[in-house]
Structures are given as C-alpha cells and as structure tokens.
C-alpha cells in the first residue's frame, strides 16, 4: 500500500468519530451538513475498504437513531423536508455498495438489522 492510501485511511479514522458526534447532534443543521458530507464520501467505492466497513455501519446506526428519535417528529417545515431528503440520499449512496460488506456479522447488520432494513424500506 502506498503512503497516499495510508494517509487517507488515517484521515478517515480521525474523521469517523467527528462524524459520529455530529450525526448524534440535537442540532438539525449540523446533522444535515454532516449527513451530506458522509453521503458524498460514501458515493465512492473507495470509501468501502475493509477497515472502514464497521465504521460505516456504526455511522449509519447513529444517523438512523438520531433521525428517528430527534428529527422524524419535527413539524413539516423546510428544515424537516431537507432532513428527510438528506436521510434518503445518505441511504441511496450506500445501497449499491451493500455487497461489499462481506464479513458475516456486517452482512447480518446490513441486511437484517431493523435500522438498516428501515433505511432500505424508507427509500424504496
């Protein structure tokens, strides 16, 4: 592995906890901005290297938990509509890459976890 991919992996390892904190935020704008950044990152197959898969699942679980417990009940406003849109876009970014989650426990989480199943059902 060249130093460039190692540098990217190290940078991703540092940003993952930041994303987790921001996705758990009570601030809907922070959630939307972070989910949008995550969606853009997850739109590339390069994001799905083996060491990143568990973090991706964790970030999705946090995003789902925050969305369903904090923002799903917001009155329909421009902010709430944007929140729903970014949540759907985040899910759509990952769906094509679900087969890359090859470890058995990750497959179970991606395909059978209630939160992940809700992700897929929410956008299809």
N, C-alpha and C. Protein backbone atom coordinates (compact mmCIF):
# COMPACT_ATOMS: atom_id res chain seq x y z
N UNK A 1 0.85 -1.17 0.00
CA UNK A 1 0.00 0.00 0.00
C UNK A 1 0.90 1.23 0.00
N UNK A 2 0.64 2.16 -0.89
CA UNK A 2 1.45 3.38 -0.94
C UNK A 2 1.07 4.29 0.22
N UNK A 3 1.88 5.33 0.42
CA UNK A 3 1.62 6.23 1.55
C UNK A 3 0.35 7.03 1.35
N UNK A 4 -0.04 7.29 0.11
CA UNK A 4 -1.25 8.07 -0.15
C UNK A 4 -2.50 7.36 0.40
N UNK A 5 -2.74 6.07 0.07
CA UNK A 5 -3.90 5.40 0.66
C UNK A 5 -3.79 5.30 2.19
N UNK A 6 -2.58 5.08 2.71
CA UNK A 6 -2.42 5.01 4.16
C UNK A 6 -2.79 6.34 4.80
N UNK A 7 -2.41 7.43 4.15
CA UNK A 7 -2.75 8.75 4.65
C UNK A 7 -4.27 8.94 4.65
N UNK A 8 -4.92 8.50 3.59
CA UNK A 8 -6.38 8.62 3.52
C UNK A 8 -7.05 7.77 4.59
N UNK A 9 -6.54 6.58 4.81
CA UNK A 9 -7.10 5.71 5.84
C UNK A 9 -6.93 6.35 7.21
N UNK A 10 -5.76 6.91 7.49
CA UNK A 10 -5.52 7.58 8.77
C UNK A 10 -6.44 8.79 8.94
N UNK A 11 -6.62 9.56 7.87
CA UNK A 11 -7.52 10.72 7.94
C UNK A 11 -8.96 10.28 8.18
N UNK A 12 -9.37 9.21 7.51
CA UNK A 12 -10.74 8.70 7.70
C UNK A 12 -10.94 8.19 9.12
N UNK A 13 -9.91 7.57 9.69
CA UNK A 13 -10.01 7.08 11.07
C UNK A 13 -10.19 8.24 12.04
N UNK A 14 -9.58 9.37 11.74
CA UNK A 14 -9.71 10.54 12.61
C UNK A 14 -11.07 11.22 12.45
N UNK A 15 -11.61 11.22 11.23
CA UNK A 15 -12.86 11.95 10.98
C UNK A 15 -14.09 11.13 11.39
N UNK A 16 -13.97 9.83 11.45
CA UNK A 16 -15.12 8.99 11.80
C UNK A 16 -15.73 9.35 13.16
N UNK A 17 -14.94 9.53 14.22
CA UNK A 17 -15.54 9.93 15.49
C UNK A 17 -16.19 11.32 15.44
N UNK A 18 -15.63 12.19 14.62
CA UNK A 18 -16.23 13.53 14.46
C UNK A 18 -17.59 13.40 13.79
N UNK A 19 -17.66 12.59 12.73
CA UNK A 19 -18.94 12.35 12.07
C UNK A 19 -19.94 11.74 13.05
N UNK A 20 -19.49 10.79 13.86
CA UNK A 20 -20.39 10.14 14.82
C UNK A 20 -20.97 11.17 15.78
N UNK A 21 -20.14 12.04 16.31
CA UNK A 21 -20.60 13.07 17.24
C UNK A 21 -21.59 14.01 16.57
N UNK A 22 -21.27 14.43 15.36
CA UNK A 22 -22.14 15.37 14.65
C UNK A 22 -23.44 14.73 14.20
N UNK A 23 -23.41 13.46 13.85
CA UNK A 23 -24.65 12.77 13.47
C UNK A 23 -25.55 12.54 14.68
N UNK A 24 -24.98 12.54 15.86
CA UNK A 24 -25.76 12.38 17.09
C UNK A 24 -26.23 13.73 17.65
N UNK A 25 -25.91 14.80 16.98
CA UNK A 25 -26.22 16.14 17.45
C UNK A 25 -27.72 16.40 17.51
N UNK A 26 -28.11 17.23 18.45
CA UNK A 26 -29.51 17.68 18.53
C UNK A 26 -29.78 18.82 17.55
N UNK A 27 -28.73 19.33 16.96
CA UNK A 27 -28.85 20.43 16.00
C UNK A 27 -29.13 19.86 14.61
N UNK A 28 -30.32 20.10 14.10
CA UNK A 28 -30.73 19.51 12.83
C UNK A 28 -29.82 19.99 11.70
N UNK A 29 -29.36 21.23 11.74
CA UNK A 29 -28.49 21.73 10.67
C UNK A 29 -27.13 21.03 10.69
N UNK A 30 -26.61 20.76 11.87
CA UNK A 30 -25.34 20.03 11.97
C UNK A 30 -25.52 18.61 11.45
N UNK A 31 -26.63 17.99 11.80
CA UNK A 31 -26.94 16.64 11.31
C UNK A 31 -27.00 16.64 9.78
N UNK A 32 -27.73 17.58 9.21
CA UNK A 32 -27.89 17.65 7.76
C UNK A 32 -26.55 17.85 7.08
N UNK A 33 -25.75 18.80 7.56
CA UNK A 33 -24.45 19.06 6.95
C UNK A 33 -23.53 17.85 7.03
N UNK A 34 -23.52 17.18 8.16
CA UNK A 34 -22.66 16.01 8.34
C UNK A 34 -23.15 14.84 7.48
N UNK A 35 -24.45 14.61 7.47
CA UNK A 35 -25.01 13.53 6.65
C UNK A 35 -24.73 13.78 5.18
N UNK A 36 -24.79 15.02 4.76
CA UNK A 36 -24.49 15.34 3.37
C UNK A 36 -23.03 15.05 3.04
N UNK A 37 -22.11 15.42 3.92
CA UNK A 37 -20.69 15.11 3.71
C UNK A 37 -20.46 13.60 3.68
N UNK A 38 -21.12 12.89 4.59
CA UNK A 38 -21.00 11.43 4.63
C UNK A 38 -21.55 10.81 3.35
N UNK A 39 -22.68 11.31 2.90
CA UNK A 39 -23.29 10.82 1.65
C UNK A 39 -22.31 10.98 0.48
N UNK A 40 -21.68 12.13 0.39
CA UNK A 40 -20.73 12.36 -0.70
C UNK A 40 -19.55 11.39 -0.61
N UNK A 41 -19.04 11.18 0.59
CA UNK A 41 -17.93 10.26 0.78
C UNK A 41 -18.34 8.83 0.43
N UNK A 42 -19.53 8.45 0.85
CA UNK A 42 -19.99 7.08 0.64
C UNK A 42 -20.47 6.82 -0.78
N UNK A 43 -20.49 7.83 -1.61
CA UNK A 43 -20.87 7.66 -3.01
C UNK A 43 -19.76 7.07 -3.86
N UNK A 44 -18.59 6.89 -3.28
CA UNK A 44 -17.44 6.34 -3.99
C UNK A 44 -17.08 4.96 -3.43
N UNK A 45 -16.79 4.04 -4.33
CA UNK A 45 -16.40 2.70 -3.90
C UNK A 45 -15.13 2.73 -3.06
N UNK A 46 -14.31 3.77 -3.23
CA UNK A 46 -13.06 3.89 -2.47
C UNK A 46 -13.32 3.98 -0.96
N UNK A 47 -14.50 4.40 -0.58
CA UNK A 47 -14.84 4.54 0.85
C UNK A 47 -15.00 3.19 1.53
N UNK A 48 -15.19 2.14 0.75
CA UNK A 48 -15.56 0.83 1.30
C UNK A 48 -14.39 -0.12 1.41
N UNK A 49 -13.27 0.36 1.92
CA UNK A 49 -12.14 -0.53 2.16
C UNK A 49 -12.41 -1.31 3.45
N UNK A 50 -11.82 -2.47 3.62
CA UNK A 50 -12.19 -3.37 4.74
C UNK A 50 -12.19 -2.73 6.12
N UNK A 51 -11.20 -1.91 6.42
CA UNK A 51 -11.13 -1.31 7.75
C UNK A 51 -12.21 -0.26 7.99
N UNK A 52 -12.86 0.20 6.95
CA UNK A 52 -13.87 1.26 7.09
C UNK A 52 -15.28 0.71 7.27
N UNK A 53 -15.51 -0.55 6.94
CA UNK A 53 -16.88 -1.07 6.89
C UNK A 53 -17.60 -1.00 8.23
N UNK A 54 -16.94 -1.37 9.30
CA UNK A 54 -17.58 -1.31 10.62
C UNK A 54 -17.93 0.13 11.00
N UNK A 55 -17.06 1.07 10.66
CA UNK A 55 -17.35 2.47 10.95
C UNK A 55 -18.54 2.97 10.13
N UNK A 56 -18.64 2.52 8.90
CA UNK A 56 -19.77 2.91 8.06
C UNK A 56 -21.07 2.43 8.68
N UNK A 57 -21.09 1.18 9.10
CA UNK A 57 -22.29 0.63 9.74
C UNK A 57 -22.62 1.41 11.02
N UNK A 58 -21.60 1.68 11.81
CA UNK A 58 -21.81 2.45 13.04
C UNK A 58 -22.38 3.84 12.73
N UNK A 59 -21.82 4.51 11.75
CA UNK A 59 -22.31 5.84 11.39
C UNK A 59 -23.76 5.79 10.90
N UNK A 60 -24.11 4.74 10.16
CA UNK A 60 -25.49 4.59 9.73
C UNK A 60 -26.42 4.35 10.91
N UNK A 61 -25.99 3.56 11.85
CA UNK A 61 -26.83 3.31 13.02
C UNK A 61 -27.03 4.59 13.82
N UNK A 62 -25.99 5.40 13.95
CA UNK A 62 -26.13 6.67 14.65
C UNK A 62 -27.04 7.61 13.87
N UNK A 63 -26.85 7.69 12.55
CA UNK A 63 -27.69 8.55 11.72
C UNK A 63 -29.16 8.14 11.83
N UNK A 64 -29.39 6.84 11.79
CA UNK A 64 -30.77 6.34 11.91
C UNK A 64 -31.36 6.68 13.27
N UNK A 65 -30.61 6.42 14.32
CA UNK A 65 -31.10 6.68 15.67
C UNK A 65 -31.45 8.16 15.85
N UNK A 66 -30.56 9.03 15.40
CA UNK A 66 -30.80 10.46 15.52
C UNK A 66 -32.01 10.87 14.69
N UNK A 67 -32.07 10.39 13.48
CA UNK A 67 -33.18 10.75 12.59
C UNK A 67 -34.51 10.33 13.19
N UNK A 68 -34.60 9.10 13.66
CA UNK A 68 -35.89 8.59 14.14
C UNK A 68 -36.28 9.14 15.51
N UNK A 69 -35.30 9.40 16.37
CA UNK A 69 -35.66 9.85 17.72
C UNK A 69 -35.71 11.36 17.87
N UNK A 70 -34.98 12.08 17.02
CA UNK A 70 -34.92 13.54 17.21
C UNK A 70 -35.60 14.33 16.11
N UNK A 71 -35.51 13.87 14.86
CA UNK A 71 -35.93 14.72 13.76
C UNK A 71 -37.15 14.23 13.00
N UNK A 72 -37.49 12.99 13.12
CA UNK A 72 -38.63 12.47 12.37
C UNK A 72 -39.93 13.12 12.80
N UNK A 73 -39.97 13.60 14.03
CA UNK A 73 -41.21 14.16 14.58
C UNK A 73 -41.30 15.67 14.43
N UNK A 74 -40.31 16.28 13.79
CA UNK A 74 -40.35 17.73 13.57
C UNK A 74 -41.52 18.04 12.65
N UNK A 75 -42.18 19.15 12.93
CA UNK A 75 -43.25 19.58 12.04
C UNK A 75 -42.69 19.73 10.64
N UNK A 76 -43.53 19.48 9.65
CA UNK A 76 -43.06 19.60 8.28
C UNK A 76 -42.75 21.06 7.97
N UNK A 77 -41.50 21.34 7.89
CA UNK A 77 -41.01 22.67 7.55
C UNK A 77 -39.92 22.48 6.51
N UNK A 78 -39.35 23.57 6.06
CA UNK A 78 -38.27 23.47 5.08
C UNK A 78 -37.10 22.67 5.66
N UNK A 79 -36.78 22.89 6.93
CA UNK A 79 -35.66 22.18 7.56
C UNK A 79 -35.98 20.70 7.68
N UNK A 80 -37.18 20.36 8.10
CA UNK A 80 -37.56 18.95 8.23
C UNK A 80 -37.56 18.26 6.88
N UNK A 81 -38.05 18.95 5.84
CA UNK A 81 -38.05 18.37 4.50
C UNK A 81 -36.62 18.12 4.03
N UNK A 82 -35.72 19.04 4.32
CA UNK A 82 -34.31 18.86 3.96
C UNK A 82 -33.71 17.69 4.73
N UNK A 83 -34.09 17.53 6.00
CA UNK A 83 -33.61 16.44 6.82
C UNK A 83 -34.03 15.10 6.22
N UNK A 84 -35.26 14.99 5.81
CA UNK A 84 -35.75 13.75 5.20
C UNK A 84 -35.03 13.49 3.89
N UNK A 85 -34.84 14.52 3.09
CA UNK A 85 -34.13 14.37 1.82
C UNK A 85 -32.71 13.86 2.03
N UNK A 86 -31.97 14.47 2.94
CA UNK A 86 -30.58 14.06 3.14
C UNK A 86 -30.50 12.65 3.71
N UNK A 87 -31.46 12.29 4.57
CA UNK A 87 -31.50 10.93 5.11
C UNK A 87 -31.70 9.93 3.98
N UNK A 88 -32.62 10.21 3.09
CA UNK A 88 -32.84 9.32 1.95
C UNK A 88 -31.62 9.26 1.05
N UNK A 89 -31.00 10.41 0.79
CA UNK A 89 -29.82 10.46 -0.08
C UNK A 89 -28.66 9.68 0.53
N UNK A 90 -28.51 9.77 1.83
CA UNK A 90 -27.45 9.02 2.52
C UNK A 90 -27.66 7.52 2.33
N UNK A 91 -28.88 7.08 2.46
CA UNK A 91 -29.18 5.65 2.29
C UNK A 91 -28.94 5.23 0.85
N UNK A 92 -29.42 6.03 -0.08
CA UNK A 92 -29.23 5.69 -1.50
C UNK A 92 -27.76 5.61 -1.89
N UNK A 93 -26.91 6.39 -1.24
CA UNK A 93 -25.48 6.36 -1.56
C UNK A 93 -24.86 5.02 -1.21
N UNK A 94 -25.35 4.36 -0.18
CA UNK A 94 -24.75 3.12 0.30
C UNK A 94 -25.35 1.87 -0.33
N UNK A 95 -26.59 1.91 -0.71
CA UNK A 95 -27.26 0.71 -1.21
C UNK A 95 -26.47 -0.02 -2.30
N UNK A 96 -25.90 0.67 -3.30
CA UNK A 96 -25.16 -0.09 -4.32
C UNK A 96 -23.92 -0.82 -3.79
N UNK A 97 -23.45 -0.41 -2.62
CA UNK A 97 -22.22 -0.97 -2.08
C UNK A 97 -22.47 -2.01 -0.97
N UNK A 98 -23.71 -2.32 -0.68
CA UNK A 98 -24.01 -3.29 0.38
C UNK A 98 -23.32 -4.64 0.16
N UNK A 99 -23.17 -5.13 -1.08
CA UNK A 99 -22.47 -6.41 -1.26
C UNK A 99 -21.00 -6.38 -0.82
N UNK A 100 -20.41 -5.21 -0.64
CA UNK A 100 -19.03 -5.12 -0.20
C UNK A 100 -18.86 -5.44 1.29
N UNK A 101 -19.96 -5.48 2.01
CA UNK A 101 -19.91 -5.83 3.43
C UNK A 101 -19.92 -7.35 3.53
N UNK A 102 -18.74 -7.94 3.39
CA UNK A 102 -18.65 -9.39 3.22
C UNK A 102 -18.52 -10.17 4.52
N UNK A 103 -18.10 -9.54 5.59
CA UNK A 103 -17.98 -10.27 6.85
C UNK A 103 -19.38 -10.63 7.35
N UNK A 104 -19.50 -11.82 7.92
CA UNK A 104 -20.81 -12.34 8.28
C UNK A 104 -21.59 -11.41 9.21
N UNK A 105 -20.94 -10.87 10.24
CA UNK A 105 -21.68 -10.01 11.15
C UNK A 105 -22.10 -8.71 10.49
N UNK A 106 -21.29 -8.20 9.55
CA UNK A 106 -21.66 -6.99 8.83
C UNK A 106 -22.79 -7.27 7.85
N UNK A 107 -22.77 -8.44 7.22
CA UNK A 107 -23.87 -8.81 6.34
C UNK A 107 -25.17 -8.86 7.13
N UNK A 108 -25.11 -9.46 8.29
CA UNK A 108 -26.30 -9.54 9.12
C UNK A 108 -26.80 -8.14 9.47
N UNK A 109 -25.88 -7.28 9.89
CA UNK A 109 -26.27 -5.93 10.26
C UNK A 109 -26.85 -5.18 9.07
N UNK A 110 -26.20 -5.29 7.92
CA UNK A 110 -26.66 -4.55 6.73
C UNK A 110 -27.99 -5.07 6.21
N UNK A 111 -28.20 -6.36 6.25
CA UNK A 111 -29.39 -6.92 5.63
C UNK A 111 -30.53 -7.19 6.61
N UNK A 112 -30.21 -7.42 7.89
CA UNK A 112 -31.27 -7.85 8.81
C UNK A 112 -31.48 -6.94 10.00
N UNK A 113 -30.58 -6.01 10.24
CA UNK A 113 -30.77 -5.08 11.34
C UNK A 113 -32.02 -4.25 11.10
N UNK A 114 -32.87 -4.10 12.10
CA UNK A 114 -34.08 -3.29 11.90
C UNK A 114 -33.78 -1.88 11.41
N UNK A 115 -32.71 -1.27 11.91
CA UNK A 115 -32.43 0.10 11.48
C UNK A 115 -32.00 0.15 10.03
N UNK A 116 -31.17 -0.80 9.60
CA UNK A 116 -30.73 -0.81 8.21
C UNK A 116 -31.88 -1.20 7.29
N UNK A 117 -32.69 -2.15 7.70
CA UNK A 117 -33.86 -2.54 6.91
C UNK A 117 -34.79 -1.34 6.74
N UNK A 118 -34.95 -0.56 7.81
CA UNK A 118 -35.76 0.65 7.71
C UNK A 118 -35.14 1.62 6.71
N UNK A 119 -33.81 1.72 6.69
CA UNK A 119 -33.15 2.57 5.71
C UNK A 119 -33.61 2.21 4.31
N UNK A 120 -33.46 0.93 3.99
CA UNK A 120 -33.75 0.47 2.64
C UNK A 120 -35.24 0.63 2.33
N UNK A 121 -36.10 0.26 3.26
CA UNK A 121 -37.53 0.37 3.05
C UNK A 121 -37.97 1.83 2.93
N UNK A 122 -37.28 2.72 3.60
CA UNK A 122 -37.64 4.13 3.60
C UNK A 122 -37.44 4.76 2.23
N UNK A 123 -36.46 4.29 1.47
CA UNK A 123 -36.15 4.93 0.19
C UNK A 123 -36.63 4.13 -1.02
N UNK A 124 -37.10 2.92 -0.80
CA UNK A 124 -37.54 2.13 -1.96
C UNK A 124 -39.05 2.13 -2.07
